[in-house]
Structures are given as C-alpha cells and as structure tokens.
C-alpha cells in the first residue's frame, strides 16, 4: 500500500510534464509559442523563453514524479498518471486549436 499523498502529487507532476512538452518542442524548433509571460492572449513568445519555460516545467514535473517513484508499481497510480496525461493533453490540444492565430 502506497501513501495517499502519492495520488495527490501525481496530479501536478503530470500537469507539469504534459505542459512542458509543447513549449520545449516549439522552442527547440525555433518557433514562437505563447507562454504565461508573452503578454496576454494571442501573443507569442520567443523560442528561447519557450525552451526555458518548457525545461522548467519538465524539471519540476520530473522532481515530483521522482518523489512518487517508489509507488510506480501500484496499478491505480499508473492508471491515474496515464489517464491524467491523456486528458490534460487533449485539453491543451483543444485550447491551442481554438486560439486565434496572430497575423505574422
């Protein structure tokens, strides 16, 4: 039996990891992408800032996942992690597809 708080830590760990992927990928590809620092809806941020923001998200998510690593053999925890990753990925994809594309 794993501690109950593993299930709570799994939520932000998954959120940080899923959120870090598009920022990091867009940044290393040299593309502009919105971040919380870009100045509001519809504005894009630089690739460098996206690499930093995505990398920070991946590091924080990785540290949180490392904290719950001893419980990774617990099937309910794995199901929670996978389900959250799929749901959050779909939510982020839907939000990005609905964003108004800025003019170049």
PDB file of N, CA and C in Angstrom:
ATOM      1  N   UNK A   1       0.840  -1.187   0.000  1.00  0.00           N
ATOM      2  CA  UNK A   1       0.000   0.000   0.000  1.00  0.00           C
ATOM      3  C   UNK A   1       0.886   1.252   0.000  1.00  0.00           C
ATOM      4  N   UNK A   2       0.617   2.135  -0.928  1.00  0.00           N
ATOM      5  CA  UNK A   2       1.409   3.363  -1.015  1.00  0.00           C
ATOM      6  C   UNK A   2       0.717   4.475  -0.232  1.00  0.00           C
ATOM      7  N   UNK A   3       1.472   5.502   0.169  1.00  0.00           N
ATOM      8  CA  UNK A   3       0.855   6.619   0.901  1.00  0.00           C
ATOM      9  C   UNK A   3      -0.176   7.349   0.042  1.00  0.00           C
ATOM     10  N   UNK A   4      -1.189   7.892   0.671  1.00  0.00           N
ATOM     11  CA  UNK A   4      -2.275   8.564  -0.031  1.00  0.00           C
ATOM     12  C   UNK A   4      -1.807   9.794  -0.782  1.00  0.00           C
ATOM     13  N   UNK A   5      -0.757  10.451  -0.292  1.00  0.00           N
ATOM     14  CA  UNK A   5      -0.336  11.695  -0.918  1.00  0.00           C
ATOM     15  C   UNK A   5       0.317  11.470  -2.274  1.00  0.00           C
ATOM     16  N   UNK A   6       0.714  10.222  -2.579  1.00  0.00           N
ATOM     17  CA  UNK A   6       1.260   9.932  -3.907  1.00  0.00           C
ATOM     18  C   UNK A   6       0.226  10.269  -4.984  1.00  0.00           C
ATOM     19  N   UNK A   7      -1.039   9.964  -4.698  1.00  0.00           N
ATOM     20  CA  UNK A   7      -2.093  10.239  -5.673  1.00  0.00           C
ATOM     21  C   UNK A   7      -2.286  11.737  -5.883  1.00  0.00           C
ATOM     22  N   UNK A   8      -2.088  12.520  -4.834  1.00  0.00           N
ATOM     23  CA  UNK A   8      -2.212  13.976  -4.967  1.00  0.00           C
ATOM     24  C   UNK A   8      -1.021  14.580  -5.710  1.00  0.00           C
ATOM     25  N   UNK A   9       0.170  14.083  -5.453  1.00  0.00           N
ATOM     26  CA  UNK A   9       1.368  14.597  -6.120  1.00  0.00           C
ATOM     27  C   UNK A   9       1.368  14.218  -7.600  1.00  0.00           C
ATOM     28  N   UNK A  10       0.702  13.125  -7.945  1.00  0.00           N
ATOM     29  CA  UNK A  10       0.648  12.694  -9.343  1.00  0.00           C
ATOM     30  C   UNK A  10      -0.059  13.714 -10.234  1.00  0.00           C
ATOM     31  N   UNK A  11      -0.992  14.469  -9.675  1.00  0.00           N
ATOM     32  CA  UNK A  11      -1.753  15.431 -10.486  1.00  0.00           C
ATOM     33  C   UNK A  11      -0.857  16.570 -10.985  1.00  0.00           C
ATOM     34  N   UNK A  12      -0.174  17.318 -10.108  1.00  0.00           N
ATOM     35  CA  UNK A  12       0.689  18.380 -10.648  1.00  0.00           C
ATOM     36  C   UNK A  12       1.898  17.833 -11.402  1.00  0.00           C
ATOM     37  N   UNK A  13       2.390  16.648 -11.027  1.00  0.00           N
ATOM     38  CA  UNK A  13       3.519  16.070 -11.767  1.00  0.00           C
ATOM     39  C   UNK A  13       3.141  15.854 -13.217  1.00  0.00           C
ATOM     40  N   UNK A  14       1.973  15.278 -13.433  1.00  0.00           N
ATOM     41  CA  UNK A  14       1.513  15.044 -14.804  1.00  0.00           C
ATOM     42  C   UNK A  14       1.247  16.356 -15.523  1.00  0.00           C
ATOM     43  N   UNK A  15       0.649  17.311 -14.825  1.00  0.00           N
ATOM     44  CA  UNK A  15       0.351  18.605 -15.455  1.00  0.00           C
ATOM     45  C   UNK A  15       1.627  19.312 -15.906  1.00  0.00           C
ATOM     46  N   UNK A  16       2.647  19.335 -15.055  1.00  0.00           N
ATOM     47  CA  UNK A  16       3.908  19.974 -15.435  1.00  0.00           C
ATOM     48  C   UNK A  16       4.565  19.247 -16.607  1.00  0.00           C
ATOM     49  N   UNK A  17       4.571  17.932 -16.578  1.00  0.00           N
ATOM     50  CA  UNK A  17       5.221  17.173 -17.657  1.00  0.00           C
ATOM     51  C   UNK A  17       4.498  17.360 -18.990  1.00  0.00           C
ATOM     52  N   UNK A  18       3.176  17.295 -18.957  1.00  0.00           N
ATOM     53  CA  UNK A  18       2.400  17.455 -20.201  1.00  0.00           C
ATOM     54  C   UNK A  18       2.527  18.878 -20.730  1.00  0.00           C
ATOM     55  N   UNK A  19       2.511  19.875 -19.857  1.00  0.00           N
ATOM     56  CA  UNK A  19       2.628  21.270 -20.280  1.00  0.00           C
ATOM     57  C   UNK A  19       4.022  21.597 -20.788  1.00  0.00           C
ATOM     58  N   UNK A  20       5.036  20.940 -20.280  1.00  0.00           N
ATOM     59  CA  UNK A  20       6.397  21.244 -20.691  1.00  0.00           C
ATOM     60  C   UNK A  20       6.727  20.795 -22.099  1.00  0.00           C
ATOM     61  N   UNK A  21       6.075  19.759 -22.566  1.00  0.00           N
ATOM     62  CA  UNK A  21       6.404  19.186 -23.878  1.00  0.00           C
ATOM     63  C   UNK A  21       6.193  20.168 -25.026  1.00  0.00           C
ATOM     64  N   UNK A  22       4.995  20.769 -25.202  1.00  0.00           N
ATOM     65  CA  UNK A  22       4.829  21.661 -26.366  1.00  0.00           C
ATOM     66  C   UNK A  22       5.720  22.903 -26.310  1.00  0.00           C
ATOM     67  N   UNK A  23       5.934  23.434 -25.112  1.00  0.00           N
ATOM     68  CA  UNK A  23       6.797  24.613 -25.007  1.00  0.00           C
ATOM     69  C   UNK A  23       8.230  24.274 -25.401  1.00  0.00           C
ATOM     70  N   UNK A  24       8.727  23.170 -24.896  1.00  0.00           N
ATOM     71  CA  UNK A  24      10.105  22.776 -25.190  1.00  0.00           C
ATOM     72  C   UNK A  24      10.274  22.431 -26.674  1.00  0.00           C
ATOM     73  N   UNK A  25       9.328  21.702 -27.224  1.00  0.00           N
ATOM     74  CA  UNK A  25       9.422  21.295 -28.636  1.00  0.00           C
ATOM     75  C   UNK A  25       9.357  22.516 -29.555  1.00  0.00           C
ATOM     76  N   UNK A  26       8.431  23.424 -29.298  1.00  0.00           N
ATOM     77  CA  UNK A  26       8.360  24.629 -30.124  1.00  0.00           C
ATOM     78  C   UNK A  26       9.628  25.472 -29.979  1.00  0.00           C
ATOM     79  N   UNK A  27      10.151  25.532 -28.772  1.00  0.00           N
ATOM     80  CA  UNK A  27      11.355  26.318 -28.545  1.00  0.00           C
ATOM     81  C   UNK A  27      12.561  25.772 -29.280  1.00  0.00           C
ATOM     82  N   UNK A  28      12.794  24.456 -29.190  1.00  0.00           N
ATOM     83  CA  UNK A  28      13.972  23.905 -29.870  1.00  0.00           C
ATOM     84  C   UNK A  28      13.790  23.863 -31.376  1.00  0.00           C
ATOM     85  N   UNK A  29      12.532  23.945 -31.840  1.00  0.00           N
ATOM     86  CA  UNK A  29      12.282  24.015 -33.276  1.00  0.00           C
ATOM     87  C   UNK A  29      12.427  25.442 -33.799  1.00  0.00           C
ATOM     88  N   UNK A  30      12.618  26.387 -32.887  1.00  0.00           N
ATOM     89  CA  UNK A  30      12.789  27.781 -33.298  1.00  0.00           C
ATOM     90  C   UNK A  30      11.485  28.493 -33.589  1.00  0.00           C
ATOM     91  N   UNK A  31      10.367  27.947 -33.114  1.00  0.00           N
ATOM     92  CA  UNK A  31       9.057  28.552 -33.374  1.00  0.00           C
ATOM     93  C   UNK A  31       8.597  29.347 -32.165  1.00  0.00           C
ATOM     94  N   UNK A  32       7.823  30.378 -32.452  1.00  0.00           N
ATOM     95  CA  UNK A  32       7.240  31.179 -31.383  1.00  0.00           C
ATOM     96  C   UNK A  32       5.997  30.463 -30.864  1.00  0.00           C
ATOM     97  N   UNK A  33       5.744  30.584 -29.555  1.00  0.00           N
ATOM     98  CA  UNK A  33       4.641  29.873 -28.917  1.00  0.00           C
ATOM     99  C   UNK A  33       4.238  30.674 -27.680  1.00  0.00           C
ATOM    100  N   UNK A  34       2.941  30.702 -27.324  1.00  0.00           N
ATOM    101  CA  UNK A  34       2.538  31.503 -26.164  1.00  0.00           C
ATOM    102  C   UNK A  34       3.024  30.902 -24.845  1.00  0.00           C
ATOM    103  N   UNK A  35       3.471  31.767 -23.952  1.00  0.00           N
ATOM    104  CA  UNK A  35       3.817  31.378 -22.586  1.00  0.00           C
ATOM    105  C   UNK A  35       3.059  32.307 -21.647  1.00  0.00           C
ATOM    106  N   UNK A  36       3.090  32.028 -20.347  1.00  0.00           N
ATOM    107  CA  UNK A  36       2.429  32.947 -19.413  1.00  0.00           C
ATOM    108  C   UNK A  36       3.048  34.340 -19.403  1.00  0.00           C
ATOM    109  N   UNK A  37       4.251  34.488 -19.946  1.00  0.00           N
ATOM    110  CA  UNK A  37       4.955  35.761 -19.936  1.00  0.00           C
ATOM    111  C   UNK A  37       4.834  36.519 -21.258  1.00  0.00           C
ATOM    112  N   UNK A  38       4.060  36.011 -22.212  1.00  0.00           N
ATOM    113  CA  UNK A  38       4.044  36.598 -23.542  1.00  0.00           C
ATOM    114  C   UNK A  38       3.197  37.858 -23.658  1.00  0.00           C
ATOM    115  N   UNK A  39       2.460  38.225 -22.640  1.00  0.00           N
ATOM    116  CA  UNK A  39       1.740  39.493 -22.689  1.00  0.00           C
ATOM    117  C   UNK A  39       0.266  39.384 -22.987  1.00  0.00           C
ATOM    118  N   UNK A  40      -0.344  38.256 -22.790  1.00  0.00           N
ATOM    119  CA  UNK A  40      -1.782  38.129 -22.980  1.00  0.00           C
ATOM    120  C   UNK A  40      -2.146  37.181 -24.106  1.00  0.00           C
ATOM    121  N   UNK A  41      -3.436  36.993 -24.250  1.00  0.00           N
ATOM    122  CA  UNK A  41      -3.943  36.055 -25.250  1.00  0.00           C
ATOM    123  C   UNK A  41      -3.609  36.532 -26.660  1.00  0.00           C
ATOM    124  N   UNK A  42      -3.223  35.613 -27.495  1.00  0.00           N
ATOM    125  CA  UNK A  42      -2.938  35.923 -28.888  1.00  0.00           C
ATOM    126  C   UNK A  42      -1.534  36.398 -29.163  1.00  0.00           C
ATOM    127  N   UNK A  43      -0.708  36.536 -28.137  1.00  0.00           N
ATOM    128  CA  UNK A  43       0.676  36.943 -28.354  1.00  0.00           C
ATOM    129  C   UNK A  43       1.597  35.744 -28.169  1.00  0.00           C
ATOM    130  N   UNK A  44       2.666  35.746 -28.920  1.00  0.00           N
ATOM    131  CA  UNK A  44       3.605  34.627 -28.892  1.00  0.00           C
ATOM    132  C   UNK A  44       4.907  35.058 -28.241  1.00  0.00           C
ATOM    133  N   UNK A  45       5.596  34.096 -27.675  1.00  0.00           N
ATOM    134  CA  UNK A  45       6.858  34.369 -27.008  1.00  0.00           C
ATOM    135  C   UNK A  45       8.008  33.772 -27.800  1.00  0.00           C
ATOM    136  N   UNK A  46       9.210  34.189 -27.495  1.00  0.00           N
ATOM    137  CA  UNK A  46      10.395  33.778 -28.247  1.00  0.00           C
ATOM    138  C   UNK A  46      10.721  32.301 -28.014  1.00  0.00           C
ATOM    139  N   UNK A  47      11.430  31.696 -28.962  1.00  0.00           N
ATOM    140  CA  UNK A  47      11.845  30.301 -28.793  1.00  0.00           C
ATOM    141  C   UNK A  47      12.717  30.071 -27.562  1.00  0.00           C
ATOM    142  N   UNK A  48      13.595  31.033 -27.249  1.00  0.00           N
ATOM    143  CA  UNK A  48      14.471  30.875 -26.083  1.00  0.00           C
ATOM    144  C   UNK A  48      13.648  30.801 -24.801  1.00  0.00           C
ATOM    145  N   UNK A  49      12.693  31.695 -24.674  1.00  0.00           N
ATOM    146  CA  UNK A  49      11.854  31.688 -23.473  1.00  0.00           C
ATOM    147  C   UNK A  49      11.013  30.413 -23.408  1.00  0.00           C
ATOM    148  N   UNK A  50      10.604  29.890 -24.556  1.00  0.00           N
ATOM    149  CA  UNK A  50       9.846  28.639 -24.565  1.00  0.00           C
ATOM    150  C   UNK A  50      10.709  27.456 -24.144  1.00  0.00           C
ATOM    151  N   UNK A  51      11.950  27.436 -24.560  1.00  0.00           N
ATOM    152  CA  UNK A  51      12.848  26.365 -24.116  1.00  0.00           C
ATOM    153  C   UNK A  51      13.022  26.437 -22.604  1.00  0.00           C
ATOM    154  N   UNK A  52      13.229  27.634 -22.082  1.00  0.00           N
ATOM    155  CA  UNK A  52      13.394  27.798 -20.633  1.00  0.00           C
ATOM    156  C   UNK A  52      12.125  27.424 -19.883  1.00  0.00           C
ATOM    157  N   UNK A  53      10.976  27.883 -20.364  1.00  0.00           N
ATOM    158  CA  UNK A  53       9.709  27.588 -19.704  1.00  0.00           C
ATOM    159  C   UNK A  53       9.390  26.093 -19.790  1.00  0.00           C
ATOM    160  N   UNK A  54       9.561  25.512 -20.951  1.00  0.00           N
ATOM    161  CA  UNK A  54       9.310  24.079 -21.102  1.00  0.00           C
ATOM    162  C   UNK A  54      10.273  23.251 -20.279  1.00  0.00           C
ATOM    163  N   UNK A  55      11.548  23.635 -20.276  1.00  0.00           N
ATOM    164  CA  UNK A  55      12.538  22.921 -19.479  1.00  0.00           C
ATOM    165  C   UNK A  55      12.236  22.999 -17.993  1.00  0.00           C
ATOM    166  N   UNK A  56      11.812  24.169 -17.527  1.00  0.00           N
ATOM    167  CA  UNK A  56      11.457  24.327 -16.115  1.00  0.00           C
ATOM    168  C   UNK A  56      10.262  23.455 -15.754  1.00  0.00           C
ATOM    169  N   UNK A  57       9.273  23.405 -16.639  1.00  0.00           N
ATOM    170  CA  UNK A  57       8.117  22.545 -16.403  1.00  0.00           C
ATOM    171  C   UNK A  57       8.523  21.072 -16.346  1.00  0.00           C
ATOM    172  N   UNK A  58       9.390  20.660 -17.255  1.00  0.00           N
ATOM    173  CA  UNK A  58       9.828  19.271 -17.279  1.00  0.00           C
ATOM    174  C   UNK A  58      10.648  18.920 -16.037  1.00  0.00           C
ATOM    175  N   UNK A  59      11.458  19.857 -15.568  1.00  0.00           N
ATOM    176  CA  UNK A  59      12.255  19.604 -14.364  1.00  0.00           C
ATOM    177  C   UNK A  59      11.360  19.486 -13.139  1.00  0.00           C
ATOM    178  N   UNK A  60      10.423  20.408 -12.975  1.00  0.00           N
ATOM    179  CA  UNK A  60       9.518  20.353 -11.820  1.00  0.00           C
ATOM    180  C   UNK A  60       8.670  19.084 -11.867  1.00  0.00           C
ATOM    181  N   UNK A  61       8.138  18.756 -13.040  1.00  0.00           N
ATOM    182  CA  UNK A  61       7.357  17.523 -13.170  1.00  0.00           C
ATOM    183  C   UNK A  61       8.192  16.289 -12.895  1.00  0.00           C
ATOM    184  N   UNK A  62       9.443  16.298 -13.347  1.00  0.00           N
ATOM    185  CA  UNK A  62      10.333  15.168 -13.097  1.00  0.00           C
ATOM    186  C   UNK A  62      10.662  14.999 -11.623  1.00  0.00           C
ATOM    187  N   UNK A  63      10.872  16.115 -10.926  1.00  0.00           N
ATOM    188  CA  UNK A  63      11.146  16.045  -9.481  1.00  0.00           C
ATOM    189  C   UNK A  63       9.921  15.503  -8.735  1.00  0.00           C
ATOM    190  N   UNK A  64       8.741  15.977  -9.107  1.00  0.00           N
ATOM    191  CA  UNK A  64       7.525  15.471  -8.465  1.00  0.00           C
ATOM    192  C   UNK A  64       7.320  13.986  -8.759  1.00  0.00           C
ATOM    193  N   UNK A  65       7.598  13.577  -9.990  1.00  0.00           N
ATOM    194  CA  UNK A  65       7.483  12.161 -10.334  1.00  0.00           C
ATOM    195  C   UNK A  65       8.521  11.333  -9.579  1.00  0.00           C
ATOM    196  N   UNK A  66       9.704  11.895  -9.386  1.00  0.00           N
ATOM    197  CA  UNK A  66      10.745  11.212  -8.627  1.00  0.00           C
ATOM    198  C   UNK A  66      10.305  10.986  -7.177  1.00  0.00           C
ATOM    199  N   UNK A  67       9.551  11.949  -6.619  1.00  0.00           N
ATOM    200  CA  UNK A  67       9.061  11.806  -5.249  1.00  0.00           C
ATOM    201  C   UNK A  67       8.120  10.612  -5.089  1.00  0.00           C
ATOM    202  N   UNK A  68       7.327  10.340  -6.119  1.00  0.00           N
ATOM    203  CA  UNK A  68       6.353   9.245  -6.022  1.00  0.00           C
ATOM    204  C   UNK A  68       6.837   7.983  -6.719  1.00  0.00           C
ATOM    205  N   UNK A  69       8.088   7.972  -7.153  1.00  0.00           N
ATOM    206  CA  UNK A  69       8.633   6.832  -7.893  1.00  0.00           C
ATOM    207  C   UNK A  69       8.500   5.493  -7.162  1.00  0.00           C
ATOM    208  N   UNK A  70       8.678   5.432  -5.832  1.00  0.00           N
ATOM    209  CA  UNK A  70       8.518   4.136  -5.155  1.00  0.00           C
ATOM    210  C   UNK A  70       7.130   3.514  -5.340  1.00  0.00           C
ATOM    211  N   UNK A  71       6.126   4.327  -5.617  1.00  0.00           N
ATOM    212  CA  UNK A  71       4.776   3.806  -5.802  1.00  0.00           C
ATOM    213  C   UNK A  71       4.410   3.522  -7.239  1.00  0.00           C
ATOM    214  N   UNK A  72       5.381   3.604  -8.148  1.00  0.00           N
ATOM    215  CA  UNK A  72       5.080   3.460  -9.573  1.00  0.00           C
ATOM    216  C   UNK A  72       4.632   2.042  -9.930  1.00  0.00           C
ATOM    217  N   UNK A  73       4.851   1.080  -9.046  1.00  0.00           N
ATOM    218  CA  UNK A  73       4.384  -0.284  -9.310  1.00  0.00           C
ATOM    219  C   UNK A  73       2.929  -0.485  -8.894  1.00  0.00           C
ATOM    220  N   UNK A  74       2.334   0.539  -8.279  1.00  0.00           N
ATOM    221  CA  UNK A  74       0.934   0.477  -7.871  1.00  0.00           C
ATOM    222  C   UNK A  74       0.045   0.763  -9.084  1.00  0.00           C
ATOM    223  N   UNK A  75      -0.763  -0.222  -9.477  1.00  0.00           N
ATOM    224  CA  UNK A  75      -1.570  -0.095 -10.694  1.00  0.00           C
ATOM    225  C   UNK A  75      -2.515   1.111 -10.671  1.00  0.00           C
ATOM    226  N   UNK A  76      -3.229   1.396  -9.574  1.00  0.00           N
ATOM    227  CA  UNK A  76      -4.091   2.592  -9.590  1.00  0.00           C
ATOM    228  C   UNK A  76      -3.321   3.893  -9.824  1.00  0.00           C
ATOM    229  N   UNK A  77      -2.112   3.985  -9.306  1.00  0.00           N
ATOM    230  CA  UNK A  77      -1.310   5.191  -9.528  1.00  0.00           C
ATOM    231  C   UNK A  77      -0.906   5.312 -10.995  1.00  0.00           C
ATOM    232  N   UNK A  78      -0.523   4.216 -11.591  1.00  0.00           N
ATOM    233  CA  UNK A  78      -0.152   4.230 -13.015  1.00  0.00           C
ATOM    234  C   UNK A  78      -1.360   4.588 -13.873  1.00  0.00           C
ATOM    235  N   UNK A  79      -2.519   4.043 -13.534  1.00  0.00           N
ATOM    236  CA  UNK A  79      -3.741   4.370 -14.280  1.00  0.00           C
ATOM    237  C   UNK A  79      -4.060   5.857 -14.142  1.00  0.00           C
ATOM    238  N   UNK A  80      -3.876   6.409 -12.935  1.00  0.00           N
ATOM    239  CA  UNK A  80      -4.105   7.839 -12.734  1.00  0.00           C
ATOM    240  C   UNK A  80      -3.150   8.674 -13.575  1.00  0.00           C
ATOM    241  N   UNK A  81      -1.881   8.328 -13.584  1.00  0.00           N
ATOM    242  CA  UNK A  81      -0.892   9.080 -14.353  1.00  0.00           C
ATOM    243  C   UNK A  81      -1.202   9.053 -15.846  1.00  0.00           C
ATOM    244  N   UNK A  82      -1.517   7.881 -16.365  1.00  0.00           N
ATOM    245  CA  UNK A  82      -1.802   7.750 -17.803  1.00  0.00           C
ATOM    246  C   UNK A  82      -3.090   8.485 -18.167  1.00  0.00           C
ATOM    247  N   UNK A  83      -4.126   8.326 -17.340  1.00  0.00           N
ATOM    248  CA  UNK A  83      -5.397   8.998 -17.614  1.00  0.00           C
ATOM    249  C   UNK A  83      -5.236  10.512 -17.570  1.00  0.00           C
ATOM    250  N   UNK A  84      -4.540  11.001 -16.558  1.00  0.00           N
ATOM    251  CA  UNK A  84      -4.310  12.448 -16.478  1.00  0.00           C
ATOM    252  C   UNK A  84      -3.507  12.963 -17.662  1.00  0.00           C
ATOM    253  N   UNK A  85      -2.512  12.215 -18.088  1.00  0.00           N
ATOM    254  CA  UNK A  85      -1.702  12.646 -19.227  1.00  0.00           C
ATOM    255  C   UNK A  85      -2.555  12.741 -20.491  1.00  0.00           C
ATOM    256  N   UNK A  86      -3.413  11.765 -20.708  1.00  0.00           N
ATOM    257  CA  UNK A  86      -4.277  11.789 -21.898  1.00  0.00           C
ATOM    258  C   UNK A  86      -5.270  12.934 -21.821  1.00  0.00           C
ATOM    259  N   UNK A  87      -5.930  13.088 -20.670  1.00  0.00           N
ATOM    260  CA  UNK A  87      -6.937  14.145 -20.522  1.00  0.00           C
ATOM    261  C   UNK A  87      -6.293  15.527 -20.631  1.00  0.00           C
ATOM    262  N   UNK A  88      -5.205  15.756 -19.924  1.00  0.00           N
ATOM    263  CA  UNK A  88      -4.555  17.066 -19.989  1.00  0.00           C
ATOM    264  C   UNK A  88      -3.996  17.349 -21.382  1.00  0.00           C
ATOM    265  N   UNK A  89      -3.478  16.336 -22.045  1.00  0.00           N
ATOM    266  CA  UNK A  89      -3.008  16.510 -23.416  1.00  0.00           C
ATOM    267  C   UNK A  89      -4.135  16.920 -24.352  1.00  0.00           C
ATOM    268  N   UNK A  90      -5.291  16.294 -24.196  1.00  0.00           N
ATOM    269  CA  UNK A  90      -6.448  16.643 -25.027  1.00  0.00           C
ATOM    270  C   UNK A  90      -6.956  18.049 -24.711  1.00  0.00           C
ATOM    271  N   UNK A  91      -6.967  18.417 -23.438  1.00  0.00           N
ATOM    272  CA  UNK A  91      -7.404  19.760 -23.048  1.00  0.00           C
ATOM    273  C   UNK A  91      -6.465  20.813 -23.629  1.00  0.00           C
ATOM    274  N   UNK A  92      -5.165  20.589 -23.526  1.00  0.00           N
ATOM    275  CA  UNK A  92      -4.204  21.549 -24.086  1.00  0.00           C
ATOM    276  C   UNK A  92      -4.312  21.623 -25.607  1.00  0.00           C
ATOM    277  N   UNK A  93      -4.490  20.481 -26.252  1.00  0.00           N
ATOM    278  CA  UNK A  93      -4.620  20.486 -27.714  1.00  0.00           C
ATOM    279  C   UNK A  93      -5.875  21.221 -28.144  1.00  0.00           C
ATOM    280  N   UNK A  94      -6.963  21.038 -27.424  1.00  0.00           N
ATOM    281  CA  UNK A  94      -8.205  21.736 -27.746  1.00  0.00           C
ATOM    282  C   UNK A  94      -8.053  23.235 -27.533  1.00  0.00           C
ATOM    283  N   UNK A  95      -7.423  23.615 -26.438  1.00  0.00           N
ATOM    284  CA  UNK A  95      -7.233  25.041 -26.159  1.00  0.00           C
ATOM    285  C   UNK A  95      -6.354  25.693 -27.223  1.00  0.00           C
ATOM    286  N   UNK A  96      -5.310  25.007 -27.644  1.00  0.00           N
ATOM    287  CA  UNK A  96      -4.417  25.587 -28.650  1.00  0.00           C
ATOM    288  C   UNK A  96      -5.082  25.647 -30.022  1.00  0.00           C
ATOM    289  N   UNK A  97      -5.940  24.672 -30.331  1.00  0.00           N
ATOM    290  CA  UNK A  97      -6.588  24.689 -31.637  1.00  0.00           C
ATOM    291  C   UNK A  97      -7.657  25.775 -31.717  1.00  0.00           C
ATOM    292  N   UNK A  98      -8.183  26.216 -30.596  1.00  0.00           N
ATOM    293  CA  UNK A  98      -9.210  27.258 -30.583  1.00  0.00           C
ATOM    294  C   UNK A  98      -8.637  28.660 -30.500  1.00  0.00           C
ATOM    295  N   UNK A  99      -7.342  28.754 -30.223  1.00  0.00           N
ATOM    296  CA  UNK A  99      -6.727  30.082 -30.135  1.00  0.00           C
ATOM    297  C   UNK A  99      -6.755  30.775 -31.482  1.00  0.00           C
ATOM    298  N   UNK A 100      -6.987  32.073 -31.433  1.00  0.00           N
ATOM    299  CA  UNK A 100      -6.967  32.860 -32.653  1.00  0.00           C
ATOM    300  C   UNK A 100      -5.508  32.993 -33.101  1.00  0.00           C
ATOM    301  N   UNK A 101      -5.243  32.635 -34.323  1.00  0.00           N
ATOM    302  CA  UNK A 101      -3.873  32.703 -34.852  1.00  0.00           C
ATOM    303  C   UNK A 101      -3.511  34.155 -35.155  1.00  0.00           C
ATOM    304  N   UNK A 102      -2.403  34.647 -34.570  1.00  0.00           N
ATOM    305  CA  UNK A 102      -1.999  36.023 -34.842  1.00  0.00           C
ATOM    306  C   UNK A 102      -1.443  36.175 -36.253  1.00  0.00           C
ATOM    307  N   UNK A 103      -1.557  37.393 -36.765  1.00  0.00           N
ATOM    308  CA  UNK A 103      -1.020  37.678 -38.092  1.00  0.00           C
ATOM    309  C   UNK A 103       0.488  37.862 -37.990  1.00  0.00           C
ATOM    310  N   UNK A 104       1.246  37.314 -38.942  1.00  0.00           N
ATOM    311  CA  UNK A 104       2.709  37.439 -38.876  1.00  0.00           C
ATOM    312  C   UNK A 104       3.210  38.842 -39.078  1.00  0.00           C
TER     313      UNK A 104
END
